[in-house]
PDB file of all heavy atoms in Angstrom:
ATOM      1  N   GLY A   1     183.930 312.041 -62.587  1.00  0.00           N
ATOM      2  CA  GLY A   1     185.116 312.738 -62.130  1.00  0.00           C
ATOM      3  C   GLY A   1     185.758 313.630 -63.168  1.00  0.00           C
ATOM      4  O   GLY A   1     186.914 313.970 -63.048  1.00  0.00           O
ATOM      5  N   VAL A   2     185.034 313.997 -64.221  1.00  0.00           N
ATOM      6  CA  VAL A   2     185.580 314.856 -65.258  1.00  0.00           C
ATOM      7  C   VAL A   2     184.799 316.151 -65.258  1.00  0.00           C
ATOM      8  O   VAL A   2     183.583 316.144 -65.192  1.00  0.00           O
ATOM      9  CB  VAL A   2     185.468 314.181 -66.642  1.00  0.00           C
ATOM     10  CG1 VAL A   2     186.045 315.073 -67.717  1.00  0.00           C
ATOM     11  CG2 VAL A   2     186.146 312.836 -66.633  1.00  0.00           C
ATOM     12  N   GLY A   3     185.467 317.287 -65.312  1.00  0.00           N
ATOM     13  CA  GLY A   3     184.768 318.561 -65.385  1.00  0.00           C
ATOM     14  C   GLY A   3     185.327 319.578 -64.422  1.00  0.00           C
ATOM     15  O   GLY A   3     186.410 319.407 -63.862  1.00  0.00           O
ATOM     16  N   ASP A   4     184.570 320.665 -64.256  1.00  0.00           N
ATOM     17  CA  ASP A   4     185.018 321.770 -63.423  1.00  0.00           C
ATOM     18  C   ASP A   4     185.136 321.407 -61.953  1.00  0.00           C
ATOM     19  O   ASP A   4     186.041 321.844 -61.265  1.00  0.00           O
ATOM     20  CB  ASP A   4     184.059 322.961 -63.548  1.00  0.00           C
ATOM     21  CG  ASP A   4     184.135 323.596 -64.927  1.00  0.00           C
ATOM     22  OD1 ASP A   4     185.143 323.337 -65.631  1.00  0.00           O
ATOM     23  OD2 ASP A   4     183.205 324.325 -65.273  1.00  0.00           O
ATOM     24  N   ASP A   5     184.198 320.597 -61.459  1.00  0.00           N
ATOM     25  CA  ASP A   5     184.195 320.299 -60.028  1.00  0.00           C
ATOM     26  C   ASP A   5     184.759 318.898 -59.741  1.00  0.00           C
ATOM     27  O   ASP A   5     184.410 318.283 -58.750  1.00  0.00           O
ATOM     28  CB  ASP A   5     182.786 320.455 -59.455  1.00  0.00           C
ATOM     29  CG  ASP A   5     181.755 319.621 -60.198  1.00  0.00           C
ATOM     30  OD1 ASP A   5     182.079 319.049 -61.247  1.00  0.00           O
ATOM     31  OD2 ASP A   5     180.633 319.541 -59.715  1.00  0.00           O
ATOM     32  N   ALA A   6     185.614 318.396 -60.604  1.00  0.00           N
ATOM     33  CA  ALA A   6     186.170 317.060 -60.420  1.00  0.00           C
ATOM     34  C   ALA A   6     187.140 317.053 -59.243  1.00  0.00           C
ATOM     35  O   ALA A   6     187.981 317.921 -59.111  1.00  0.00           O
ATOM     36  CB  ALA A   6     186.895 316.604 -61.678  1.00  0.00           C
ATOM     37  N   GLY A   7     187.017 316.070 -58.407  1.00  0.00           N
ATOM     38  CA  GLY A   7     187.940 315.894 -57.301  1.00  0.00           C
ATOM     39  C   GLY A   7     187.691 316.791 -56.114  1.00  0.00           C
ATOM     40  O   GLY A   7     188.375 316.688 -55.122  1.00  0.00           O
ATOM     41  N   ARG A   8     186.722 317.688 -56.205  1.00  0.00           N
ATOM     42  CA  ARG A   8     186.445 318.586 -55.081  1.00  0.00           C
ATOM     43  C   ARG A   8     185.260 318.067 -54.295  1.00  0.00           C
ATOM     44  O   ARG A   8     184.209 317.811 -54.842  1.00  0.00           O
ATOM     45  CB  ARG A   8     186.128 319.989 -55.582  1.00  0.00           C
ATOM     46  CG  ARG A   8     187.352 320.745 -55.984  1.00  0.00           C
ATOM     47  CD  ARG A   8     187.019 322.180 -56.227  1.00  0.00           C
ATOM     48  NE  ARG A   8     186.512 322.288 -57.583  1.00  0.00           N
ATOM     49  CZ  ARG A   8     185.820 323.299 -58.055  1.00  0.00           C
ATOM     50  NH1 ARG A   8     185.516 324.298 -57.267  1.00  0.00           N
ATOM     51  NH2 ARG A   8     185.412 323.335 -59.286  1.00  0.00           N
ATOM     52  N   LYS A   9     185.439 317.925 -53.004  1.00  0.00           N
ATOM     53  CA  LYS A   9     184.337 317.547 -52.127  1.00  0.00           C
ATOM     54  C   LYS A   9     184.093 318.698 -51.179  1.00  0.00           C
ATOM     55  O   LYS A   9     184.994 319.457 -50.854  1.00  0.00           O
ATOM     56  CB  LYS A   9     184.686 316.287 -51.341  1.00  0.00           C
ATOM     57  CG  LYS A   9     184.769 315.063 -52.212  1.00  0.00           C
ATOM     58  CD  LYS A   9     185.007 313.834 -51.373  1.00  0.00           C
ATOM     59  CE  LYS A   9     185.076 312.607 -52.252  1.00  0.00           C
ATOM     60  NZ  LYS A   9     185.312 311.409 -51.484  1.00  0.00           N
ATOM     61  N   ARG A  10     182.850 318.802 -50.756  1.00  0.00           N
ATOM     62  CA  ARG A  10     182.527 319.868 -49.816  1.00  0.00           C
ATOM     63  C   ARG A  10     183.115 319.530 -48.462  1.00  0.00           C
ATOM     64  O   ARG A  10     182.839 318.475 -47.893  1.00  0.00           O
ATOM     65  CB  ARG A  10     181.020 320.023 -49.710  1.00  0.00           C
ATOM     66  CG  ARG A  10     180.444 320.605 -50.969  1.00  0.00           C
ATOM     67  CD  ARG A  10     178.967 320.812 -50.944  1.00  0.00           C
ATOM     68  NE  ARG A  10     178.382 320.790 -49.624  1.00  0.00           N
ATOM     69  CZ  ARG A  10     177.101 320.626 -49.392  1.00  0.00           C
ATOM     70  NH1 ARG A  10     176.274 320.458 -50.373  1.00  0.00           N
ATOM     71  NH2 ARG A  10     176.626 320.627 -48.177  1.00  0.00           N
ATOM     72  N   PRO A  11     183.910 320.417 -47.911  1.00  0.00           N
ATOM     73  CA  PRO A  11     184.489 320.138 -46.604  1.00  0.00           C
ATOM     74  C   PRO A  11     183.487 320.417 -45.490  1.00  0.00           C
ATOM     75  O   PRO A  11     182.504 321.115 -45.680  1.00  0.00           O
ATOM     76  CB  PRO A  11     185.669 321.117 -46.529  1.00  0.00           C
ATOM     77  CG  PRO A  11     185.249 322.262 -47.378  1.00  0.00           C
ATOM     78  CD  PRO A  11     184.409 321.662 -48.484  1.00  0.00           C
ATOM     79  N   GLY A  12     183.766 319.860 -44.347  1.00  0.00           N
ATOM     80  CA  GLY A  12     182.982 320.176 -43.168  1.00  0.00           C
ATOM     81  C   GLY A  12     181.938 319.134 -42.828  1.00  0.00           C
ATOM     82  O   GLY A  12     181.718 318.176 -43.558  1.00  0.00           O
ATOM     83  N   PRO A  13     181.270 319.337 -41.700  1.00  0.00           N
ATOM     84  CA  PRO A  13     180.321 318.337 -41.217  1.00  0.00           C
ATOM     85  C   PRO A  13     178.993 318.344 -41.962  1.00  0.00           C
ATOM     86  O   PRO A  13     178.228 317.404 -41.846  1.00  0.00           O
ATOM     87  CB  PRO A  13     180.113 318.729 -39.749  1.00  0.00           C
ATOM     88  CG  PRO A  13     180.403 320.191 -39.722  1.00  0.00           C
ATOM     89  CD  PRO A  13     181.460 320.425 -40.755  1.00  0.00           C
ATOM     90  N   GLY A  14     178.654 319.390 -42.738  1.00  0.00           N
ATOM     91  CA  GLY A  14     177.349 319.474 -43.383  1.00  0.00           C
ATOM     92  C   GLY A  14     177.307 318.920 -44.783  1.00  0.00           C
ATOM     93  O   GLY A  14     176.418 319.228 -45.541  1.00  0.00           O
ATOM     94  N   ARG A  15     178.241 318.078 -45.168  1.00  0.00           N
ATOM     95  CA  ARG A  15     178.300 317.626 -46.550  1.00  0.00           C
ATOM     96  C   ARG A  15     177.204 316.626 -46.905  1.00  0.00           C
ATOM     97  O   ARG A  15     176.861 316.485 -48.049  1.00  0.00           O
ATOM     98  CB  ARG A  15     179.673 317.062 -46.869  1.00  0.00           C
ATOM     99  CG  ARG A  15     180.048 315.864 -46.066  1.00  0.00           C
ATOM    100  CD  ARG A  15     181.418 315.344 -46.464  1.00  0.00           C
ATOM    101  NE  ARG A  15     181.829 314.341 -45.519  1.00  0.00           N
ATOM    102  CZ  ARG A  15     182.829 314.452 -44.696  1.00  0.00           C
ATOM    103  NH1 ARG A  15     183.557 315.529 -44.727  1.00  0.00           N
ATOM    104  NH2 ARG A  15     183.130 313.503 -43.855  1.00  0.00           N
ATOM    105  N   ASN A  16     176.643 315.913 -45.960  1.00  0.00           N
ATOM    106  CA  ASN A  16     175.568 314.960 -46.226  1.00  0.00           C
ATOM    107  C   ASN A  16     174.274 315.390 -45.547  1.00  0.00           C
ATOM    108  O   ASN A  16     173.545 314.580 -45.004  1.00  0.00           O
ATOM    109  CB  ASN A  16     175.965 313.560 -45.766  1.00  0.00           C
ATOM    110  CG  ASN A  16     177.054 312.973 -46.614  1.00  0.00           C
ATOM    111  OD1 ASN A  16     177.106 313.239 -47.814  1.00  0.00           O
ATOM    112  ND2 ASN A  16     177.931 312.190 -46.007  1.00  0.00           N
ATOM    113  N   LEU A  17     173.989 316.673 -45.617  1.00  0.00           N
ATOM    114  CA  LEU A  17     172.842 317.222 -44.911  1.00  0.00           C
ATOM    115  C   LEU A  17     171.553 317.140 -45.722  1.00  0.00           C
ATOM    116  O   LEU A  17     170.467 317.193 -45.153  1.00  0.00           O
ATOM    117  CB  LEU A  17     173.139 318.678 -44.548  1.00  0.00           C
ATOM    118  CG  LEU A  17     172.446 319.275 -43.351  1.00  0.00           C
ATOM    119  CD1 LEU A  17     172.631 318.405 -42.118  1.00  0.00           C
ATOM    120  CD2 LEU A  17     172.968 320.660 -43.090  1.00  0.00           C
ATOM    121  N   SER A  18     171.632 316.999 -47.029  1.00  0.00           N
ATOM    122  CA  SER A  18     170.441 317.009 -47.878  1.00  0.00           C
ATOM    123  C   SER A  18     169.431 315.926 -47.529  1.00  0.00           C
ATOM    124  O   SER A  18     168.241 316.205 -47.418  1.00  0.00           O
ATOM    125  CB  SER A  18     170.836 316.908 -49.346  1.00  0.00           C
ATOM    126  OG  SER A  18     171.561 318.037 -49.718  1.00  0.00           O
ATOM    127  N   PRO A  19     169.832 314.661 -47.371  1.00  0.00           N
ATOM    128  CA  PRO A  19     168.843 313.643 -47.010  1.00  0.00           C
ATOM    129  C   PRO A  19     168.189 313.900 -45.653  1.00  0.00           C
ATOM    130  O   PRO A  19     166.998 313.651 -45.475  1.00  0.00           O
ATOM    131  CB  PRO A  19     169.645 312.336 -46.981  1.00  0.00           C
ATOM    132  CG  PRO A  19     170.850 312.602 -47.796  1.00  0.00           C
ATOM    133  CD  PRO A  19     171.135 314.058 -47.646  1.00  0.00           C
ATOM    134  N   LEU A  20     168.956 314.438 -44.718  1.00  0.00           N
ATOM    135  CA  LEU A  20     168.405 314.734 -43.399  1.00  0.00           C
ATOM    136  C   LEU A  20     167.354 315.840 -43.486  1.00  0.00           C
ATOM    137  O   LEU A  20     166.272 315.741 -42.890  1.00  0.00           O
ATOM    138  CB  LEU A  20     169.522 315.133 -42.444  1.00  0.00           C
ATOM    139  CG  LEU A  20     169.092 315.493 -41.019  1.00  0.00           C
ATOM    140  CD1 LEU A  20     168.519 314.265 -40.322  1.00  0.00           C
ATOM    141  CD2 LEU A  20     170.249 316.059 -40.250  1.00  0.00           C
ATOM    142  N   LEU A  21     167.664 316.898 -44.253  1.00  0.00           N
ATOM    143  CA  LEU A  21     166.702 317.993 -44.416  1.00  0.00           C
ATOM    144  C   LEU A  21     165.457 317.541 -45.175  1.00  0.00           C
ATOM    145  O   LEU A  21     164.344 317.966 -44.872  1.00  0.00           O
ATOM    146  CB  LEU A  21     167.359 319.168 -45.133  1.00  0.00           C
ATOM    147  CG  LEU A  21     168.412 319.926 -44.332  1.00  0.00           C
ATOM    148  CD1 LEU A  21     169.064 320.997 -45.199  1.00  0.00           C
ATOM    149  CD2 LEU A  21     167.796 320.543 -43.095  1.00  0.00           C
ATOM    150  N   ALA A  22     165.631 316.678 -46.167  1.00  0.00           N
ATOM    151  CA  ALA A  22     164.478 316.159 -46.904  1.00  0.00           C
ATOM    152  C   ALA A  22     163.583 315.323 -45.989  1.00  0.00           C
ATOM    153  O   ALA A  22     162.345 315.417 -46.047  1.00  0.00           O
ATOM    154  CB  ALA A  22     164.947 315.331 -48.091  1.00  0.00           C
ATOM    155  N   GLY A  23     164.194 314.532 -45.138  1.00  0.00           N
ATOM    156  CA  GLY A  23     163.407 313.736 -44.196  1.00  0.00           C
ATOM    157  C   GLY A  23     162.677 314.597 -43.180  1.00  0.00           C
ATOM    158  O   GLY A  23     161.513 314.344 -42.842  1.00  0.00           O
ATOM    159  N   ALA A  24     163.352 315.638 -42.689  1.00  0.00           N
ATOM    160  CA  ALA A  24     162.706 316.539 -41.729  1.00  0.00           C
ATOM    161  C   ALA A  24     161.546 317.298 -42.383  1.00  0.00           C
ATOM    162  O   ALA A  24     160.496 317.485 -41.760  1.00  0.00           O
ATOM    163  CB  ALA A  24     163.731 317.518 -41.164  1.00  0.00           C
ATOM    164  N   ALA A  25     161.738 317.725 -43.626  1.00  0.00           N
ATOM    165  CA  ALA A  25     160.659 318.431 -44.330  1.00  0.00           C
ATOM    166  C   ALA A  25     159.476 317.511 -44.576  1.00  0.00           C
ATOM    167  O   ALA A  25     158.313 317.922 -44.442  1.00  0.00           O
ATOM    168  CB  ALA A  25     161.184 318.984 -45.653  1.00  0.00           C
ATOM    169  N   THR A  26     159.748 316.264 -44.914  1.00  0.00           N
ATOM    170  CA  THR A  26     158.666 315.297 -45.123  1.00  0.00           C
ATOM    171  C   THR A  26     157.907 315.048 -43.823  1.00  0.00           C
ATOM    172  O   THR A  26     156.666 315.003 -43.813  1.00  0.00           O
ATOM    173  CB  THR A  26     159.240 313.975 -45.666  1.00  0.00           C
ATOM    174  OG1 THR A  26     159.950 314.246 -46.869  1.00  0.00           O
ATOM    175  CG2 THR A  26     158.148 312.970 -45.939  1.00  0.00           C
ATOM    176  N   ALA A  27     158.629 314.910 -42.730  1.00  0.00           N
ATOM    177  CA  ALA A  27     157.977 314.678 -41.435  1.00  0.00           C
ATOM    178  C   ALA A  27     157.146 315.891 -41.014  1.00  0.00           C
ATOM    179  O   ALA A  27     156.017 315.746 -40.527  1.00  0.00           O
ATOM    180  CB  ALA A  27     159.023 314.355 -40.375  1.00  0.00           C
ATOM    181  N   ALA A  28     157.687 317.096 -41.211  1.00  0.00           N
ATOM    182  CA  ALA A  28     156.942 318.300 -40.829  1.00  0.00           C
ATOM    183  C   ALA A  28     155.697 318.470 -41.696  1.00  0.00           C
ATOM    184  O   ALA A  28     154.615 318.805 -41.185  1.00  0.00           O
ATOM    185  CB  ALA A  28     157.847 319.528 -40.955  1.00  0.00           C
ATOM    186  N   GLY A  29     155.829 318.236 -42.982  1.00  0.00           N
ATOM    187  CA  GLY A  29     154.674 318.349 -43.868  1.00  0.00           C
ATOM    188  C   GLY A  29     153.620 317.302 -43.555  1.00  0.00           C
ATOM    189  O   GLY A  29     152.414 317.591 -43.527  1.00  0.00           O
ATOM    190  N   GLY A  30     154.072 316.075 -43.323  1.00  0.00           N
ATOM    191  CA  GLY A  30     153.125 315.010 -42.960  1.00  0.00           C
ATOM    192  C   GLY A  30     152.418 315.302 -41.644  1.00  0.00           C
ATOM    193  O   GLY A  30     151.211 315.067 -41.503  1.00  0.00           O
TER     194      GLY A  30
END
Protein backbone atom coordinates (compact mmCIF):
# COMPACT_ATOMS: atom_id res chain seq x y z
CA GLY A 1 0.00 0.00 0.00
CA VAL A 2 2.94 2.38 -0.40
CA GLY A 3 3.73 4.17 -3.65
CA ASP A 4 2.14 5.96 -6.57
CA ASP A 5 -0.85 3.67 -6.94
CA ALA A 6 -1.53 3.15 -3.23
CA GLY A 7 -5.18 3.03 -2.28
CA ARG A 8 -6.42 3.15 -5.87
CA LYS A 9 -8.50 0.28 -7.17
CA ARG A 10 -9.75 -0.09 -10.68
CA PRO A 11 -13.41 0.82 -10.76
CA GLY A 12 -16.04 -1.02 -12.69
CA PRO A 13 -17.07 -4.59 -13.39
CA GLY A 14 -13.87 -5.58 -15.29
CA ARG A 15 -11.46 -5.36 -12.37
CA ASN A 16 -11.04 -9.15 -11.98
CA LEU A 17 -11.04 -10.01 -15.66
CA SER A 18 -7.44 -11.27 -15.95
CA PRO A 19 -8.00 -14.78 -14.55
CA LEU A 20 -11.08 -15.21 -16.73
CA LEU A 21 -9.19 -14.17 -19.88
CA ALA A 22 -6.26 -16.43 -18.98
CA GLY A 23 -8.63 -19.36 -18.56
CA ALA A 24 -10.38 -18.64 -21.86
CA ALA A 25 -7.03 -18.37 -23.67
CA THR A 26 -5.89 -21.66 -22.17
CA ALA A 27 -9.12 -23.38 -23.21
CA ALA A 28 -8.94 -21.97 -26.75
CA GLY A 29 -5.30 -22.95 -27.15
CA GLY A 30 -5.91 -26.42 -25.75
